[in-house]
Amino acid sequence: MVYVTLAGAILAEVLGTTAMKYSDGFSKLVPSLVTAAGYVVAFALLAHTLKTMSVGTAYAIWSGAGTAAIALIGMVFIGEAVTAAKILGLLLVICGVVVLNLDGTH
Protein backbone atom coordinates (compact mmCIF):
# COMPACT_ATOMS: atom_id res chain seq x y z
CA MET A 1 0.00 0.00 0.00
CA VAL A 2 2.90 2.37 0.68
CA TYR A 3 3.97 2.16 -2.96
CA VAL A 4 0.42 3.00 -4.09
CA THR A 5 0.48 6.12 -1.92
CA LEU A 6 3.90 7.04 -3.26
CA ALA A 7 2.70 6.49 -6.84
CA GLY A 8 -0.20 8.84 -6.13
CA ALA A 9 2.25 11.45 -4.84
CA ILE A 10 4.33 11.11 -8.00
CA LEU A 11 1.29 11.35 -10.26
CA ALA A 12 0.02 14.45 -8.44
CA GLU A 13 3.43 16.13 -8.66
CA VAL A 14 3.74 15.35 -12.37
CA LEU A 15 0.23 16.70 -12.99
CA GLY A 16 1.03 19.85 -11.01
CA THR A 17 4.30 20.44 -12.81
CA THR A 18 2.74 19.86 -16.23
CA ALA A 19 -0.07 22.29 -15.40
CA MET A 20 2.55 24.83 -14.30
CA LYS A 21 3.96 24.79 -17.83
CA TYR A 22 0.54 25.88 -19.10
CA SER A 23 -0.11 28.44 -16.34
CA ASP A 24 1.90 31.09 -18.23
CA GLY A 25 3.70 32.28 -15.12
CA PHE A 26 0.57 31.76 -13.00
CA SER A 27 -1.38 34.21 -15.15
CA LYS A 28 -3.95 31.58 -16.26
CA LEU A 29 -6.36 30.60 -13.51
CA VAL A 30 -7.22 26.97 -14.25
CA PRO A 31 -3.67 25.68 -14.82
CA SER A 32 -2.52 27.67 -11.77
CA LEU A 33 -5.20 26.05 -9.60
CA VAL A 34 -4.31 22.59 -10.97
CA THR A 35 -0.66 23.30 -10.13
CA ALA A 36 -1.47 24.28 -6.56
CA ALA A 37 -3.82 21.33 -6.05
CA GLY A 38 -1.31 18.91 -7.55
CA TYR A 39 1.42 20.01 -5.19
CA VAL A 40 -0.83 19.99 -2.12
CA VAL A 41 -1.93 16.43 -2.90
CA ALA A 42 1.63 15.37 -3.77
CA PHE A 43 3.08 16.59 -0.49
CA ALA A 44 0.18 15.20 1.55
CA LEU A 45 0.64 11.76 -0.01
CA LEU A 46 4.42 11.94 0.33
CA ALA A 47 4.04 12.84 4.02
CA HIS A 48 1.73 9.85 4.46
CA THR A 49 4.27 7.64 2.67
CA LEU A 50 7.01 8.77 5.04
CA LYS A 51 5.13 7.28 7.99
CA THR A 52 6.24 3.81 6.89
CA MET A 53 9.04 4.28 4.34
CA SER A 54 12.48 5.73 4.91
CA VAL A 55 12.87 9.30 3.74
CA GLY A 56 15.84 8.50 1.51
CA THR A 57 14.04 5.72 -0.33
CA ALA A 58 10.76 7.62 -0.67
CA TYR A 59 12.38 10.83 -1.86
CA ALA A 60 14.67 9.02 -4.30
CA ILE A 61 11.71 7.28 -5.92
CA TRP A 62 9.47 10.39 -5.80
CA SER A 63 12.00 12.81 -7.23
CA GLY A 64 13.54 10.36 -9.70
CA ALA A 65 10.26 9.13 -11.13
CA GLY A 66 8.89 12.67 -11.24
CA THR A 67 11.97 13.98 -12.99
CA ALA A 68 11.93 11.19 -15.55
CA ALA A 69 8.20 11.56 -16.19
CA ILE A 70 8.39 15.32 -16.65
CA ALA A 71 11.36 15.02 -18.99
CA LEU A 72 9.49 12.44 -21.07
CA ILE A 73 6.32 14.55 -21.13
CA GLY A 74 8.38 17.51 -22.29
CA MET A 75 9.96 15.55 -25.11
CA VAL A 76 6.86 13.59 -26.21
CA PHE A 77 4.01 16.07 -25.73
CA ILE A 78 5.50 19.57 -25.43
CA GLY A 79 8.00 19.32 -28.27
CA GLU A 80 11.22 19.67 -26.31
CA ALA A 81 14.32 18.38 -28.06
CA VAL A 82 15.25 14.72 -27.66
CA THR A 83 19.01 14.59 -27.31
CA ALA A 84 21.52 11.94 -26.38
CA ALA A 85 22.42 13.96 -23.27
CA LYS A 86 18.78 14.00 -22.10
CA ILE A 87 18.38 10.28 -22.68
CA LEU A 88 21.63 9.59 -20.81
CA GLY A 89 20.49 11.84 -17.97
CA LEU A 90 17.18 10.00 -17.70
CA LEU A 91 18.97 6.66 -17.63
CA LEU A 92 21.31 7.92 -14.91
CA VAL A 93 18.36 9.13 -12.81
CA ILE A 94 16.71 5.73 -13.13
CA CYS A 95 19.96 3.94 -12.28
CA GLY A 96 20.42 6.17 -9.24
CA VAL A 97 16.97 5.34 -7.91
CA VAL A 98 17.59 1.63 -8.45
CA VAL A 99 20.95 1.76 -6.65
CA LEU A 100 19.45 3.65 -3.69
CA ASN A 101 16.81 0.93 -3.38
CA LEU A 102 19.18 -2.05 -3.54
CA ASP A 103 19.41 -2.41 0.21
CA GLY A 104 15.79 -3.59 0.27
CA THR A 105 14.70 -1.63 3.34
CA HIS A 106 11.71 0.64 3.55
PDB file of N, CA and C in Angstrom:
ATOM      1  N   MET A   1       0.816  -1.199   0.000  1.00  0.00           N
ATOM      2  CA  MET A   1       0.000   0.000   0.000  1.00  0.00           C
ATOM      3  C   MET A   1       0.861   1.265   0.000  1.00  0.00           C
ATOM      4  N   VAL A   2       2.031   1.190   0.613  1.00  0.00           N
ATOM      5  CA  VAL A   2       2.900   2.366   0.682  1.00  0.00           C
ATOM      6  C   VAL A   2       3.353   2.794  -0.720  1.00  0.00           C
ATOM      7  N   TYR A   3       3.555   1.814  -1.603  1.00  0.00           N
ATOM      8  CA  TYR A   3       3.970   2.155  -2.961  1.00  0.00           C
ATOM      9  C   TYR A   3       2.818   2.760  -3.765  1.00  0.00           C
ATOM     10  N   VAL A   4       1.594   2.389  -3.437  1.00  0.00           N
ATOM     11  CA  VAL A   4       0.425   2.998  -4.091  1.00  0.00           C
ATOM     12  C   VAL A   4       0.325   4.469  -3.684  1.00  0.00           C
ATOM     13  N   THR A   5       0.509   4.733  -2.407  1.00  0.00           N
ATOM     14  CA  THR A   5       0.482   6.117  -1.918  1.00  0.00           C
ATOM     15  C   THR A   5       1.600   6.935  -2.554  1.00  0.00           C
ATOM     16  N   LEU A   6       2.776   6.347  -2.638  1.00  0.00           N
ATOM     17  CA  LEU A   6       3.899   7.040  -3.263  1.00  0.00           C
ATOM     18  C   LEU A   6       3.634   7.279  -4.745  1.00  0.00           C
ATOM     19  N   ALA A   7       3.052   6.315  -5.428  1.00  0.00           N
ATOM     20  CA  ALA A   7       2.705   6.492  -6.841  1.00  0.00           C
ATOM     21  C   ALA A   7       1.697   7.629  -7.009  1.00  0.00           C
ATOM     22  N   GLY A   8       0.753   7.731  -6.096  1.00  0.00           N
ATOM     23  CA  GLY A   8      -0.202   8.842  -6.131  1.00  0.00           C
ATOM     24  C   GLY A   8       0.492  10.178  -5.954  1.00  0.00           C
ATOM     25  N   ALA A   9       1.480  10.223  -5.059  1.00  0.00           N
ATOM     26  CA  ALA A   9       2.250  11.448  -4.841  1.00  0.00           C
ATOM     27  C   ALA A   9       3.011  11.832  -6.102  1.00  0.00           C
ATOM     28  N   ILE A  10       3.585  10.854  -6.753  1.00  0.00           N
ATOM     29  CA  ILE A  10       4.334  11.105  -7.995  1.00  0.00           C
ATOM     30  C   ILE A  10       3.394  11.604  -9.081  1.00  0.00           C
ATOM     31  N   LEU A  11       2.266  10.948  -9.241  1.00  0.00           N
ATOM     32  CA  LEU A  11       1.292  11.349 -10.256  1.00  0.00           C
ATOM     33  C   LEU A  11       0.795  12.772 -10.015  1.00  0.00           C
ATOM     34  N   ALA A  12       0.490  13.098  -8.766  1.00  0.00           N
ATOM     35  CA  ALA A  12       0.018  14.448  -8.442  1.00  0.00           C
ATOM     36  C   ALA A  12       1.093  15.500  -8.728  1.00  0.00           C
ATOM     37  N   GLU A  13       2.334  15.185  -8.405  1.00  0.00           N
ATOM     38  CA  GLU A  13       3.428  16.129  -8.658  1.00  0.00           C
ATOM     39  C   GLU A  13       3.647  16.324 -10.148  1.00  0.00           C
ATOM     40  N   VAL A  14       3.571  15.258 -10.915  1.00  0.00           N
ATOM     41  CA  VAL A  14       3.737  15.353 -12.367  1.00  0.00           C
ATOM     42  C   VAL A  14       2.595  16.163 -12.978  1.00  0.00           C
ATOM     43  N   LEU A  15       1.378  15.925 -12.518  1.00  0.00           N
ATOM     44  CA  LEU A  15       0.235  16.705 -12.990  1.00  0.00           C
ATOM     45  C   LEU A  15       0.404  18.180 -12.652  1.00  0.00           C
ATOM     46  N   GLY A  16       0.814  18.470 -11.427  1.00  0.00           N
ATOM     47  CA  GLY A  16       1.029  19.855 -11.014  1.00  0.00           C
ATOM     48  C   GLY A  16       2.113  20.549 -11.814  1.00  0.00           C
ATOM     49  N   THR A  17       3.197  19.855 -12.056  1.00  0.00           N
ATOM     50  CA  THR A  17       4.296  20.440 -12.814  1.00  0.00           C
ATOM     51  C   THR A  17       3.910  20.659 -14.273  1.00  0.00           C
ATOM     52  N   THR A  18       3.196  19.707 -14.849  1.00  0.00           N
ATOM     53  CA  THR A  18       2.743  19.858 -16.232  1.00  0.00           C
ATOM     54  C   THR A  18       1.775  21.034 -16.345  1.00  0.00           C
ATOM     55  N   ALA A  19       0.866  21.158 -15.391  1.00  0.00           N
ATOM     56  CA  ALA A  19      -0.071  22.286 -15.397  1.00  0.00           C
ATOM     57  C   ALA A  19       0.678  23.609 -15.247  1.00  0.00           C
ATOM     58  N   MET A  20       1.775  23.611 -14.469  1.00  0.00           N
ATOM     59  CA  MET A  20       2.554  24.830 -14.297  1.00  0.00           C
ATOM     60  C   MET A  20       3.092  25.331 -15.631  1.00  0.00           C
ATOM     61  N   LYS A  21       3.473  24.418 -16.502  1.00  0.00           N
ATOM     62  CA  LYS A  21       3.961  24.792 -17.830  1.00  0.00           C
ATOM     63  C   LYS A  21       2.903  25.605 -18.571  1.00  0.00           C
ATOM     64  N   TYR A  22       1.639  25.226 -18.386  1.00  0.00           N
ATOM     65  CA  TYR A  22       0.543  25.881 -19.099  1.00  0.00           C
ATOM     66  C   TYR A  22      -0.073  27.048 -18.334  1.00  0.00           C
ATOM     67  N   SER A  23       0.440  27.351 -17.144  1.00  0.00           N
ATOM     68  CA  SER A  23      -0.115  28.444 -16.340  1.00  0.00           C
ATOM     69  C   SER A  23       0.361  29.819 -16.811  1.00  0.00           C
ATOM     70  N   ASP A  24       1.349  29.836 -17.701  1.00  0.00           N
ATOM     71  CA  ASP A  24       1.900  31.094 -18.226  1.00  0.00           C
ATOM     72  C   ASP A  24       2.326  32.017 -17.086  1.00  0.00           C
ATOM     73  N   GLY A  25       3.198  31.477 -16.244  1.00  0.00           N
ATOM     74  CA  GLY A  25       3.702  32.276 -15.118  1.00  0.00           C
ATOM     75  C   GLY A  25       2.625  32.569 -14.088  1.00  0.00           C
ATOM     76  N   PHE A  26       1.712  31.647 -13.913  1.00  0.00           N
ATOM     77  CA  PHE A  26       0.572  31.765 -13.005  1.00  0.00           C
ATOM     78  C   PHE A  26      -0.392  32.882 -13.392  1.00  0.00           C
ATOM     79  N   SER A  27      -0.438  33.192 -14.677  1.00  0.00           N
ATOM     80  CA  SER A  27      -1.380  34.213 -15.148  1.00  0.00           C
ATOM     81  C   SER A  27      -2.678  33.603 -15.681  1.00  0.00           C
ATOM     82  N   LYS A  28      -2.723  32.279 -15.823  1.00  0.00           N
ATOM     83  CA  LYS A  28      -3.945  31.581 -16.259  1.00  0.00           C
ATOM     84  C   LYS A  28      -4.504  30.828 -15.061  1.00  0.00           C
ATOM     85  N   LEU A  29      -5.768  31.095 -14.750  1.00  0.00           N
ATOM     86  CA  LEU A  29      -6.362  30.602 -13.509  1.00  0.00           C
ATOM     87  C   LEU A  29      -6.421  29.080 -13.406  1.00  0.00           C
ATOM     88  N   VAL A  30      -7.003  28.416 -14.380  1.00  0.00           N
ATOM     89  CA  VAL A  30      -7.219  26.968 -14.251  1.00  0.00           C
ATOM     90  C   VAL A  30      -5.902  26.195 -14.121  1.00  0.00           C
ATOM     91  N   PRO A  31      -4.931  26.416 -15.015  1.00  0.00           N
ATOM     92  CA  PRO A  31      -3.666  25.684 -14.821  1.00  0.00           C
ATOM     93  C   PRO A  31      -2.967  26.043 -13.504  1.00  0.00           C
ATOM     94  N   SER A  32      -3.122  27.265 -13.053  1.00  0.00           N
ATOM     95  CA  SER A  32      -2.524  27.670 -11.774  1.00  0.00           C
ATOM     96  C   SER A  32      -3.167  26.930 -10.615  1.00  0.00           C
ATOM     97  N   LEU A  33      -4.497  26.782 -10.651  1.00  0.00           N
ATOM     98  CA  LEU A  33      -5.198  26.047  -9.604  1.00  0.00           C
ATOM     99  C   LEU A  33      -4.848  24.561  -9.633  1.00  0.00           C
ATOM    100  N   VAL A  34      -4.711  23.997 -10.839  1.00  0.00           N
ATOM    101  CA  VAL A  34      -4.312  22.591 -10.969  1.00  0.00           C
ATOM    102  C   VAL A  34      -2.901  22.399 -10.416  1.00  0.00           C
ATOM    103  N   THR A  35      -2.024  23.350 -10.670  1.00  0.00           N
ATOM    104  CA  THR A  35      -0.660  23.299 -10.132  1.00  0.00           C
ATOM    105  C   THR A  35      -0.682  23.266  -8.610  1.00  0.00           C
ATOM    106  N   ALA A  36      -1.405  24.204  -8.024  1.00  0.00           N
ATOM    107  CA  ALA A  36      -1.470  24.276  -6.558  1.00  0.00           C
ATOM    108  C   ALA A  36      -2.076  23.003  -5.974  1.00  0.00           C
ATOM    109  N   ALA A  37      -3.177  22.540  -6.549  1.00  0.00           N
ATOM    110  CA  ALA A  37      -3.822  21.325  -6.046  1.00  0.00           C
ATOM    111  C   ALA A  37      -2.907  20.116  -6.198  1.00  0.00           C
ATOM    112  N   GLY A  38      -2.224  20.027  -7.326  1.00  0.00           N
ATOM    113  CA  GLY A  38      -1.314  18.909  -7.553  1.00  0.00           C
ATOM    114  C   GLY A  38      -0.218  18.845  -6.510  1.00  0.00           C
ATOM    115  N   TYR A  39       0.352  19.997  -6.175  1.00  0.00           N
ATOM    116  CA  TYR A  39       1.422  20.009  -5.186  1.00  0.00           C
ATOM    117  C   TYR A  39       0.917  19.757  -3.776  1.00  0.00           C
ATOM    118  N   VAL A  40      -0.264  20.266  -3.440  1.00  0.00           N
ATOM    119  CA  VAL A  40      -0.830  19.987  -2.116  1.00  0.00           C
ATOM    120  C   VAL A  40      -1.060  18.481  -1.957  1.00  0.00           C
ATOM    121  N   VAL A  41      -1.677  17.868  -2.954  1.00  0.00           N
ATOM    122  CA  VAL A  41      -1.932  16.426  -2.904  1.00  0.00           C
ATOM    123  C   VAL A  41      -0.612  15.650  -2.881  1.00  0.00           C
ATOM    124  N   ALA A  42       0.342  16.064  -3.712  1.00  0.00           N
ATOM    125  CA  ALA A  42       1.633  15.366  -3.771  1.00  0.00           C
ATOM    126  C   ALA A  42       2.331  15.367  -2.417  1.00  0.00           C
ATOM    127  N   PHE A  43       2.390  16.526  -1.774  1.00  0.00           N
ATOM    128  CA  PHE A  43       3.082  16.591  -0.490  1.00  0.00           C
ATOM    129  C   PHE A  43       2.304  15.883   0.613  1.00  0.00           C
ATOM    130  N   ALA A  44       0.976  15.926   0.558  1.00  0.00           N
ATOM    131  CA  ALA A  44       0.183  15.197   1.553  1.00  0.00           C
ATOM    132  C   ALA A  44       0.418  13.692   1.423  1.00  0.00           C
ATOM    133  N   LEU A  45       0.413  13.192   0.194  1.00  0.00           N
ATOM    134  CA  LEU A  45       0.644  11.760  -0.010  1.00  0.00           C
ATOM    135  C   LEU A  45       2.081  11.366   0.314  1.00  0.00           C
ATOM    136  N   LEU A  46       3.025  12.231  -0.021  1.00  0.00           N
ATOM    137  CA  LEU A  46       4.419  11.944   0.331  1.00  0.00           C
ATOM    138  C   LEU A  46       4.586  11.905   1.850  1.00  0.00           C
ATOM    139  N   ALA A  47       3.957  12.833   2.557  1.00  0.00           N
ATOM    140  CA  ALA A  47       4.036  12.838   4.019  1.00  0.00           C
ATOM    141  C   ALA A  47       3.440  11.554   4.596  1.00  0.00           C
ATOM    142  N   HIS A  48       2.348  11.101   4.016  1.00  0.00           N
ATOM    143  CA  HIS A  48       1.732   9.851   4.458  1.00  0.00           C
ATOM    144  C   HIS A  48       2.674   8.662   4.180  1.00  0.00           C
ATOM    145  N   THR A  49       3.309   8.685   3.032  1.00  0.00           N
ATOM    146  CA  THR A  49       4.266   7.636   2.674  1.00  0.00           C
ATOM    147  C   THR A  49       5.408   7.561   3.681  1.00  0.00           C
ATOM    148  N   LEU A  50       5.860   8.721   4.143  1.00  0.00           N
ATOM    149  CA  LEU A  50       7.009   8.770   5.041  1.00  0.00           C
ATOM    150  C   LEU A  50       6.716   8.205   6.428  1.00  0.00           C
ATOM    151  N   LYS A  51       5.454   7.927   6.711  1.00  0.00           N
ATOM    152  CA  LYS A  51       5.131   7.285   7.990  1.00  0.00           C
ATOM    153  C   LYS A  51       5.693   5.873   8.060  1.00  0.00           C
ATOM    154  N   THR A  52       5.809   5.214   6.884  1.00  0.00           N
ATOM    155  CA  THR A  52       6.239   3.811   6.892  1.00  0.00           C
ATOM    156  C   THR A  52       7.436   3.515   5.996  1.00  0.00           C
ATOM    157  N   MET A  53       7.896   4.490   5.237  1.00  0.00           N
ATOM    158  CA  MET A  53       9.038   4.280   4.343  1.00  0.00           C
ATOM    159  C   MET A  53      10.145   5.262   4.716  1.00  0.00           C
ATOM    160  N   SER A  54      11.372   4.838   4.586  1.00  0.00           N
ATOM    161  CA  SER A  54      12.478   5.732   4.914  1.00  0.00           C
ATOM    162  C   SER A  54      12.480   6.936   3.978  1.00  0.00           C
ATOM    163  N   VAL A  55      12.902   8.052   4.508  1.00  0.00           N
ATOM    164  CA  VAL A  55      12.870   9.299   3.741  1.00  0.00           C
ATOM    165  C   VAL A  55      13.775   9.233   2.514  1.00  0.00           C
ATOM    166  N   GLY A  56      14.917   8.595   2.647  1.00  0.00           N
ATOM    167  CA  GLY A  56      15.839   8.496   1.510  1.00  0.00           C
ATOM    168  C   GLY A  56      15.255   7.698   0.362  1.00  0.00           C
ATOM    169  N   THR A  57      14.659   6.568   0.692  1.00  0.00           N
ATOM    170  CA  THR A  57      14.042   5.718  -0.327  1.00  0.00           C
ATOM    171  C   THR A  57      12.858   6.413  -0.973  1.00  0.00           C
ATOM    172  N   ALA A  58      11.965   6.959  -0.145  1.00  0.00           N
ATOM    173  CA  ALA A  58      10.764   7.615  -0.673  1.00  0.00           C
ATOM    174  C   ALA A  58      11.123   8.802  -1.555  1.00  0.00           C
ATOM    175  N   TYR A  59      12.043   9.628  -1.086  1.00  0.00           N
ATOM    176  CA  TYR A  59      12.376  10.827  -1.861  1.00  0.00           C
ATOM    177  C   TYR A  59      13.125  10.466  -3.137  1.00  0.00           C
ATOM    178  N   ALA A  60      13.956   9.456  -3.094  1.00  0.00           N
ATOM    179  CA  ALA A  60      14.670   9.024  -4.304  1.00  0.00           C
ATOM    180  C   ALA A  60      13.678   8.566  -5.366  1.00  0.00           C
ATOM    181  N   ILE A  61      12.709   7.762  -4.958  1.00  0.00           N
ATOM    182  CA  ILE A  61      11.714   7.284  -5.915  1.00  0.00           C
ATOM    183  C   ILE A  61      10.845   8.438  -6.394  1.00  0.00           C
ATOM    184  N   TRP A  62      10.363   9.265  -5.468  1.00  0.00           N
ATOM    185  CA  TRP A  62       9.470  10.386  -5.797  1.00  0.00           C
ATOM    186  C   TRP A  62      10.148  11.371  -6.750  1.00  0.00           C
ATOM    187  N   SER A  63      11.330  11.808  -6.390  1.00  0.00           N
ATOM    188  CA  SER A  63      12.002  12.806  -7.225  1.00  0.00           C
ATOM    189  C   SER A  63      12.511  12.205  -8.529  1.00  0.00           C
ATOM    190  N   GLY A  64      13.028  10.992  -8.481  1.00  0.00           N
ATOM    191  CA  GLY A  64      13.541  10.357  -9.695  1.00  0.00           C
ATOM    192  C   GLY A  64      12.450  10.054 -10.699  1.00  0.00           C
ATOM    193  N   ALA A  65      11.367   9.447 -10.227  1.00  0.00           N
ATOM    194  CA  ALA A  65      10.258   9.126 -11.129  1.00  0.00           C
ATOM    195  C   ALA A  65       9.609  10.398 -11.663  1.00  0.00           C
ATOM    196  N   GLY A  66       9.459  11.397 -10.791  1.00  0.00           N
ATOM    197  CA  GLY A  66       8.885  12.670 -11.238  1.00  0.00           C
ATOM    198  C   GLY A  66       9.749  13.357 -12.274  1.00  0.00           C
ATOM    199  N   THR A  67      11.039  13.373 -12.042  1.00  0.00           N
ATOM    200  CA  THR A  67      11.967  13.982 -12.994  1.00  0.00           C
ATOM    201  C   THR A  67      11.925  13.273 -14.336  1.00  0.00           C
ATOM    202  N   ALA A  68      11.973  11.962 -14.304  1.00  0.00           N
ATOM    203  CA  ALA A  68      11.935  11.191 -15.552  1.00  0.00           C
ATOM    204  C   ALA A  68      10.615  11.400 -16.281  1.00  0.00           C
ATOM    205  N   ALA A  69       9.507  11.383 -15.557  1.00  0.00           N
ATOM    206  CA  ALA A  69       8.198  11.556 -16.189  1.00  0.00           C
ATOM    207  C   ALA A  69       8.062  12.937 -16.818  1.00  0.00           C
ATOM    208  N   ILE A  70       8.490  13.962 -16.116  1.00  0.00           N
ATOM    209  CA  ILE A  70       8.386  15.322 -16.655  1.00  0.00           C
ATOM    210  C   ILE A  70       9.285  15.483 -17.869  1.00  0.00           C
ATOM    211  N   ALA A  71      10.474  14.934 -17.827  1.00  0.00           N
ATOM    212  CA  ALA A  71      11.363  15.018 -18.995  1.00  0.00           C
ATOM    213  C   ALA A  71      10.739  14.322 -20.198  1.00  0.00           C
ATOM    214  N   LEU A  72      10.152  13.161 -19.973  1.00  0.00           N
ATOM    215  CA  LEU A  72       9.492  12.436 -21.069  1.00  0.00           C
ATOM    216  C   LEU A  72       8.276  13.191 -21.595  1.00  0.00           C
ATOM    217  N   ILE A  73       7.477  13.752 -20.711  1.00  0.00           N
ATOM    218  CA  ILE A  73       6.321  14.554 -21.132  1.00  0.00           C
ATOM    219  C   ILE A  73       6.780  15.733 -21.968  1.00  0.00           C
ATOM    220  N   GLY A  74       7.846  16.379 -21.535  1.00  0.00           N
ATOM    221  CA  GLY A  74       8.381  17.511 -22.289  1.00  0.00           C
ATOM    222  C   GLY A  74       8.807  17.118 -23.688  1.00  0.00           C
ATOM    223  N   MET A  75       9.468  15.983 -23.800  1.00  0.00           N
ATOM    224  CA  MET A  75       9.957  15.546 -25.106  1.00  0.00           C
ATOM    225  C   MET A  75       8.841  15.003 -25.993  1.00  0.00           C
ATOM    226  N   VAL A  76       7.895  14.258 -25.411  1.00  0.00           N
ATOM    227  CA  VAL A  76       6.864  13.593 -26.210  1.00  0.00           C
ATOM    228  C   VAL A  76       5.690  14.520 -26.525  1.00  0.00           C
ATOM    229  N   PHE A  77       5.240  15.309 -25.547  1.00  0.00           N
ATOM    230  CA  PHE A  77       4.009  16.071 -25.726  1.00  0.00           C
ATOM    231  C   PHE A  77       4.208  17.575 -25.895  1.00  0.00           C
ATOM    232  N   ILE A  78       5.313  18.122 -25.391  1.00  0.00           N
ATOM    233  CA  ILE A  78       5.505  19.569 -25.430  1.00  0.00           C
ATOM    234  C   ILE A  78       6.470  19.976 -26.529  1.00  0.00           C
ATOM    235  N   GLY A  79       7.125  19.024 -27.136  1.00  0.00           N
ATOM    236  CA  GLY A  79       8.000  19.320 -28.267  1.00  0.00           C
ATOM    237  C   GLY A  79       9.409  19.725 -27.899  1.00  0.00           C
ATOM    238  N   GLU A  80       9.838  19.381 -26.692  1.00  0.00           N
ATOM    239  CA  GLU A  80      11.222  19.671 -26.312  1.00  0.00           C
ATOM    240  C   GLU A  80      12.152  18.714 -27.051  1.00  0.00           C
ATOM    241  N   ALA A  81      13.357  19.163 -27.283  1.00  0.00           N
ATOM    242  CA  ALA A  81      14.321  18.378 -28.058  1.00  0.00           C
ATOM    243  C   ALA A  81      14.664  17.064 -27.353  1.00  0.00           C
ATOM    244  N   VAL A  82      14.775  16.020 -28.150  1.00  0.00           N
ATOM    245  CA  VAL A  82      15.246  14.718 -27.657  1.00  0.00           C
ATOM    246  C   VAL A  82      16.716  14.633 -28.046  1.00  0.00           C
ATOM    247  N   THR A  83      17.575  14.643 -27.041  1.00  0.00           N
ATOM    248  CA  THR A  83      19.010  14.588 -27.311  1.00  0.00           C
ATOM    249  C   THR A  83      19.628  13.401 -26.582  1.00  0.00           C
ATOM    250  N   ALA A  84      20.798  13.029 -27.029  1.00  0.00           N
ATOM    251  CA  ALA A  84      21.519  11.936 -26.377  1.00  0.00           C
ATOM    252  C   ALA A  84      21.803  12.280 -24.917  1.00  0.00           C
ATOM    253  N   ALA A  85      22.127  13.543 -24.646  1.00  0.00           N
ATOM    254  CA  ALA A  85      22.416  13.959 -23.271  1.00  0.00           C
ATOM    255  C   ALA A  85      21.180  13.805 -22.382  1.00  0.00           C
ATOM    256  N   LYS A  86      20.001  14.149 -22.896  1.00  0.00           N
ATOM    257  CA  LYS A  86      18.779  14.002 -22.102  1.00  0.00           C
ATOM    258  C   LYS A  86      18.471  12.535 -21.839  1.00  0.00           C
ATOM    259  N   ILE A  87      18.635  11.709 -22.850  1.00  0.00           N
ATOM    260  CA  ILE A  87      18.378  10.279 -22.680  1.00  0.00           C
ATOM    261  C   ILE A  87      19.354   9.692 -21.659  1.00  0.00           C
ATOM    262  N   LEU A  88      20.632  10.057 -21.768  1.00  0.00           N
ATOM    263  CA  LEU A  88      21.627   9.593 -20.807  1.00  0.00           C
ATOM    264  C   LEU A  88      21.275  10.066 -19.398  1.00  0.00           C
ATOM    265  N   GLY A  89      20.874  11.315 -19.272  1.00  0.00           N
ATOM    266  CA  GLY A  89      20.486  11.845 -17.970  1.00  0.00           C
ATOM    267  C   GLY A  89      19.324  11.082 -17.362  1.00  0.00           C
ATOM    268  N   LEU A  90      18.316  10.779 -18.185  1.00  0.00           N
ATOM    269  CA  LEU A  90      17.181   9.998 -17.698  1.00  0.00           C
ATOM    270  C   LEU A  90      17.615   8.610 -17.240  1.00  0.00           C
ATOM    271  N   LEU A  91      18.477   7.986 -18.013  1.00  0.00           N
ATOM    272  CA  LEU A  91      18.971   6.658 -17.628  1.00  0.00           C
ATOM    273  C   LEU A  91      19.765   6.714 -16.324  1.00  0.00           C
ATOM    274  N   LEU A  92      20.542   7.770 -16.145  1.00  0.00           N
ATOM    275  CA  LEU A  92      21.307   7.916 -14.909  1.00  0.00           C
ATOM    276  C   LEU A  92      20.398   8.144 -13.712  1.00  0.00           C
ATOM    277  N   VAL A  93      19.334   8.919 -13.888  1.00  0.00           N
ATOM    278  CA  VAL A  93      18.363   9.132 -12.807  1.00  0.00           C
ATOM    279  C   VAL A  93      17.742   7.796 -12.409  1.00  0.00           C
ATOM    280  N   ILE A  94      17.320   7.031 -13.396  1.00  0.00           N
ATOM    281  CA  ILE A  94      16.708   5.726 -13.131  1.00  0.00           C
ATOM    282  C   ILE A  94      17.703   4.802 -12.434  1.00  0.00           C
ATOM    283  N   CYS A  95      18.928   4.784 -12.915  1.00  0.00           N
ATOM    284  CA  CYS A  95      19.960   3.944 -12.279  1.00  0.00           C
ATOM    285  C   CYS A  95      20.204   4.383 -10.838  1.00  0.00           C
ATOM    286  N   GLY A  96      20.222   5.668 -10.599  1.00  0.00           N
ATOM    287  CA  GLY A  96      20.420   6.170  -9.244  1.00  0.00           C
ATOM    288  C   GLY A  96      19.329   5.730  -8.299  1.00  0.00           C
ATOM    289  N   VAL A  97      18.093   5.787  -8.737  1.00  0.00           N
ATOM    290  CA  VAL A  97      16.971   5.336  -7.910  1.00  0.00           C
ATOM    291  C   VAL A  97      17.083   3.837  -7.628  1.00  0.00           C
ATOM    292  N   VAL A  98      17.430   3.076  -8.639  1.00  0.00           N
ATOM    293  CA  VAL A  98      17.589   1.626  -8.450  1.00  0.00           C
ATOM    294  C   VAL A  98      18.694   1.342  -7.435  1.00  0.00           C
ATOM    295  N   VAL A  99      19.832   2.000  -7.569  1.00  0.00           N
ATOM    296  CA  VAL A  99      20.948   1.764  -6.649  1.00  0.00           C
ATOM    297  C   VAL A  99      20.568   2.132  -5.222  1.00  0.00           C
ATOM    298  N   LEU A 100      19.860   3.253  -5.038  1.00  0.00           N
ATOM    299  CA  LEU A 100      19.447   3.650  -3.694  1.00  0.00           C
ATOM    300  C   LEU A 100      18.477   2.660  -3.070  1.00  0.00           C
ATOM    301  N   ASN A 101      17.773   1.888  -3.897  1.00  0.00           N
ATOM    302  CA  ASN A 101      16.806   0.933  -3.379  1.00  0.00           C
ATOM    303  C   ASN A 101      17.350  -0.483  -3.265  1.00  0.00           C
ATOM    304  N   LEU A 102      18.611  -0.708  -3.566  1.00  0.00           N
ATOM    305  CA  LEU A 102      19.175  -2.051  -3.539  1.00  0.00           C
ATOM    306  C   LEU A 102      19.267  -2.657  -2.152  1.00  0.00           C
ATOM    307  N   ASP A 103      19.281  -1.837  -1.123  1.00  0.00           N
ATOM    308  CA  ASP A 103      19.411  -2.408   0.211  1.00  0.00           C
ATOM    309  C   ASP A 103      18.136  -3.098   0.678  1.00  0.00           C
ATOM    310  N   GLY A 104      17.023  -2.850   0.002  1.00  0.00           N
ATOM    311  CA  GLY A 104      15.791  -3.586   0.269  1.00  0.00           C
ATOM    312  C   GLY A 104      15.026  -3.161   1.497  1.00  0.00           C
ATOM    313  N   THR A 105      15.438  -2.080   2.155  1.00  0.00           N
ATOM    314  CA  THR A 105      14.704  -1.626   3.344  1.00  0.00           C
ATOM    315  C   THR A 105      13.715  -0.540   2.962  1.00  0.00           C
ATOM    316  N   HIS A 106      12.705  -0.401   3.744  1.00  0.00           N
ATOM    317  CA  HIS A 106      11.711   0.639   3.551  1.00  0.00           C
ATOM    318  C   HIS A 106      11.961   1.688   4.575  1.00  0.00           C
TER     319      HIS A 106
END
